């Protein structure tokens, strides 16, 4: 497979958005039918710690499914299927990726399914690193409680340092739009 970015297969309006490199994350487009990555921007290269398109494509095999950390793939697939079944073409997900250097990163994803003539349905995705947020973004401004980003960071740190030898269970309930 060629390692060039296939901008000619992506609608022009999306190409313009993809050229934005000053956002706190990166864009990619992949074909729904086979997961083939059609386009990425330079922020995706940074997120995956890749110097160029060639190293990104070697890391991913040019397939979206290979971006997702193995343990998180089935959960993401189920969420995507549930959205498709409900004919909800936009969704928001959290999962992990592994960079070229082997680092595990928590990702926040916003996706939208777009029909195209040349490729059939494609997914337009924005990914951002949950670890790059400021302290203000780590706390819910209404409740004062830690937000999901900070929780994921603290849970990850706990698992690395203090995980009990006899096992542990962790229950996380995210009450969306909850207000006191």
Protein backbone atom coordinates (compact mmCIF):
# COMPACT_ATOMS: atom_id res chain seq x y z
CA UNK A 1 0.00 0.00 0.00
CA UNK A 2 1.28 3.45 -0.83
CA UNK A 3 2.30 5.60 2.10
CA UNK A 4 1.01 8.88 0.69
CA UNK A 5 -2.04 10.53 2.19
CA UNK A 6 -5.00 10.05 -0.11
CA UNK A 7 -6.51 13.57 0.04
CA UNK A 8 -8.09 13.09 -3.38
CA UNK A 9 -10.49 10.47 -1.97
CA UNK A 10 -11.76 12.78 0.78
CA UNK A 11 -14.43 15.47 0.16
CA UNK A 12 -12.98 18.98 -0.28
CA UNK A 13 -14.73 20.42 2.80
CA UNK A 14 -13.08 17.76 4.96
CA UNK A 15 -9.67 18.43 3.36
CA UNK A 16 -9.91 22.05 4.52
CA UNK A 17 -10.63 21.02 8.11
CA UNK A 18 -7.86 18.40 8.01
CA UNK A 19 -5.31 21.10 7.22
CA UNK A 20 -5.90 22.74 10.64
CA UNK A 21 -2.79 22.00 12.67
CA UNK A 22 -3.38 24.41 15.54
CA UNK A 23 -6.06 22.37 17.30
CA UNK A 24 -5.44 20.27 20.43
CA UNK A 25 -5.62 17.00 18.52
CA UNK A 26 -5.59 15.47 15.09
CA UNK A 27 -7.94 14.44 12.30
CA UNK A 28 -8.17 11.24 10.34
CA UNK A 29 -10.61 9.74 7.85
CA UNK A 30 -11.14 6.02 7.34
CA UNK A 31 -13.40 3.93 5.13
CA UNK A 32 -16.16 2.12 7.02
CA UNK A 33 -16.12 -1.05 4.88
CA UNK A 34 -12.53 -2.12 5.57
CA UNK A 35 -11.05 0.37 8.07
CA UNK A 36 -8.56 1.69 5.49
CA UNK A 37 -7.16 5.04 6.60
CA UNK A 38 -7.69 7.52 3.77
CA UNK A 39 -6.25 10.68 5.26
CA UNK A 40 -4.43 12.01 8.33
CA UNK A 41 -3.05 15.38 9.36
CA UNK A 42 0.26 16.25 11.00
CA UNK A 43 -1.28 16.28 14.50
CA UNK A 44 -2.06 12.56 14.15
CA UNK A 45 1.62 11.97 13.40
CA UNK A 46 2.53 13.85 16.60
CA UNK A 47 -0.06 11.97 18.66
CA UNK A 48 1.37 8.60 17.57
CA UNK A 49 4.97 9.83 17.94
CA UNK A 50 5.67 9.30 14.24
CA UNK A 51 8.12 11.45 12.29
CA UNK A 52 6.48 10.94 8.91
CA UNK A 53 3.63 9.24 7.06
CA UNK A 54 5.80 6.19 6.34
CA UNK A 55 6.36 5.44 10.04
CA UNK A 56 2.66 5.99 10.80
CA UNK A 57 1.59 3.54 8.10
CA UNK A 58 4.17 0.98 9.26
CA UNK A 59 2.79 1.31 12.80
CA UNK A 60 -0.87 1.00 11.80
CA UNK A 61 -0.81 -1.02 8.59
CA UNK A 62 -2.98 1.81 7.22
CA UNK A 63 -5.97 0.38 9.14
CA UNK A 64 -8.02 2.19 11.80
CA UNK A 65 -8.50 -0.94 13.91
CA UNK A 66 -4.75 -1.16 14.41
CA UNK A 67 -4.73 2.28 16.06
CA UNK A 68 -6.78 1.08 19.02
CA UNK A 69 -5.10 -0.65 21.97
CA UNK A 70 -5.98 -4.35 21.74
CA UNK A 71 -7.94 -4.49 25.02
CA UNK A 72 -10.17 -1.56 23.95
CA UNK A 73 -11.07 -2.69 20.41
CA UNK A 74 -14.15 -4.79 21.20
CA UNK A 75 -15.68 -2.12 23.43
CA UNK A 76 -15.24 0.49 20.69
CA UNK A 77 -16.68 -1.88 18.05
CA UNK A 78 -19.76 -2.45 20.22
CA UNK A 79 -20.25 1.28 20.70
CA UNK A 80 -19.96 1.91 16.95
CA UNK A 81 -22.45 -0.90 16.21
CA UNK A 82 -24.90 0.49 18.77
CA UNK A 83 -24.66 3.93 17.15
CA UNK A 84 -25.18 2.46 13.68
CA UNK A 85 -28.19 0.45 14.90
CA UNK A 86 -29.70 3.63 16.36
CA UNK A 87 -28.81 5.51 13.15
CA UNK A 88 -26.80 7.92 15.27
CA UNK A 89 -23.97 8.95 12.95
CA UNK A 90 -21.97 11.01 15.44
CA UNK A 91 -20.42 9.62 18.60
CA UNK A 92 -17.94 10.32 21.37
CA UNK A 93 -15.56 7.65 22.70
CA UNK A 94 -12.62 7.13 25.03
CA UNK A 95 -9.97 4.47 24.50
CA UNK A 96 -6.24 3.92 24.52
CA UNK A 97 -3.64 3.92 21.77
CA UNK A 98 -0.03 2.79 21.75
CA UNK A 99 2.47 5.18 20.20
CA UNK A 100 5.39 4.22 18.00
CA UNK A 101 7.60 4.41 21.11
CA UNK A 102 5.29 2.01 23.00
CA UNK A 103 3.68 4.59 25.28
CA UNK A 104 0.03 3.95 26.19
CA UNK A 105 -2.12 7.11 25.85
CA UNK A 106 -5.77 7.72 26.76
CA UNK A 107 -7.61 9.26 23.82
CA UNK A 108 -10.82 11.20 23.48
CA UNK A 109 -12.49 10.64 20.11
CA UNK A 110 -15.26 12.48 18.30
CA UNK A 111 -16.48 10.81 15.13
CA UNK A 112 -19.01 11.43 12.42
CA UNK A 113 -20.08 9.06 9.63
CA UNK A 114 -20.22 10.72 6.22
CA UNK A 115 -21.47 9.14 2.95
CA UNK A 116 -19.13 9.63 -0.03
CA UNK A 117 -19.51 8.62 -3.66
CA UNK A 118 -16.02 7.23 -4.15
CA UNK A 119 -15.50 5.33 -0.86
CA UNK A 120 -19.00 4.75 0.46
CA UNK A 121 -19.43 5.71 4.12
CA UNK A 122 -16.31 7.10 5.80
CA UNK A 123 -15.67 8.15 9.38
CA UNK A 124 -14.27 11.62 10.03
CA UNK A 125 -12.53 11.51 13.41
CA UNK A 126 -10.95 14.01 15.78
CA UNK A 127 -8.57 12.51 18.38
CA UNK A 128 -7.05 14.30 21.35
CA UNK A 129 -4.70 13.17 24.11
CA UNK A 130 -6.51 13.20 27.46
CA UNK A 131 -3.21 13.66 29.31
CA UNK A 132 -2.45 17.10 27.87
CA UNK A 133 -5.15 19.04 29.69
CA UNK A 134 -4.60 21.86 32.16
CA UNK A 135 -5.50 21.53 35.82
CA UNK A 136 -8.67 23.59 35.26
CA UNK A 137 -9.91 20.97 32.79
CA UNK A 138 -9.28 18.12 35.23
CA UNK A 139 -12.06 19.21 37.57
CA UNK A 140 -15.79 19.68 36.99
CA UNK A 141 -16.41 23.39 37.50
CA UNK A 142 -19.92 22.83 38.90
CA UNK A 143 -19.45 19.91 41.29
CA UNK A 144 -15.77 20.39 42.07
CA UNK A 145 -15.27 16.64 41.56
CA UNK A 146 -12.56 15.25 39.35
CA UNK A 147 -13.56 14.76 35.74
CA UNK A 148 -13.19 11.63 33.62
CA UNK A 149 -9.81 12.76 32.28
CA UNK A 150 -8.34 13.16 35.75
CA UNK A 151 -10.00 9.96 36.91
CA UNK A 152 -8.47 7.97 34.05
CA UNK A 153 -5.07 9.48 34.79
CA UNK A 154 -5.28 8.64 38.52
CA UNK A 155 -6.60 5.13 37.84
CA UNK A 156 -3.73 4.49 35.45
CA UNK A 157 -1.19 5.74 38.01
CA UNK A 158 -2.75 3.53 40.72
CA UNK A 159 -2.60 0.48 38.47
CA UNK A 160 1.09 1.12 37.77
CA UNK A 161 2.11 1.69 41.40
CA UNK A 162 -0.32 0.41 43.98
CA UNK A 163 -2.29 -2.42 42.44
CA UNK A 164 -2.96 -4.99 45.22
CA UNK A 165 -1.52 -8.44 44.64
CA UNK A 166 -4.85 -10.09 45.56
CA UNK A 167 -6.71 -8.17 42.84
CA UNK A 168 -9.05 -5.24 42.91
CA UNK A 169 -12.26 -4.03 41.33
CA UNK A 170 -12.97 -0.52 40.22
CA UNK A 171 -16.44 0.81 39.49
CA UNK A 172 -16.76 4.04 37.56
CA UNK A 173 -20.16 5.58 36.88
CA UNK A 174 -20.23 8.56 34.54
CA UNK A 175 -23.51 10.39 34.94
CA UNK A 176 -23.72 12.40 31.74
CA UNK A 177 -25.37 15.81 32.12
CA UNK A 178 -25.64 15.29 35.88
CA UNK A 179 -26.16 18.52 37.77
CA UNK A 180 -26.67 19.15 41.48
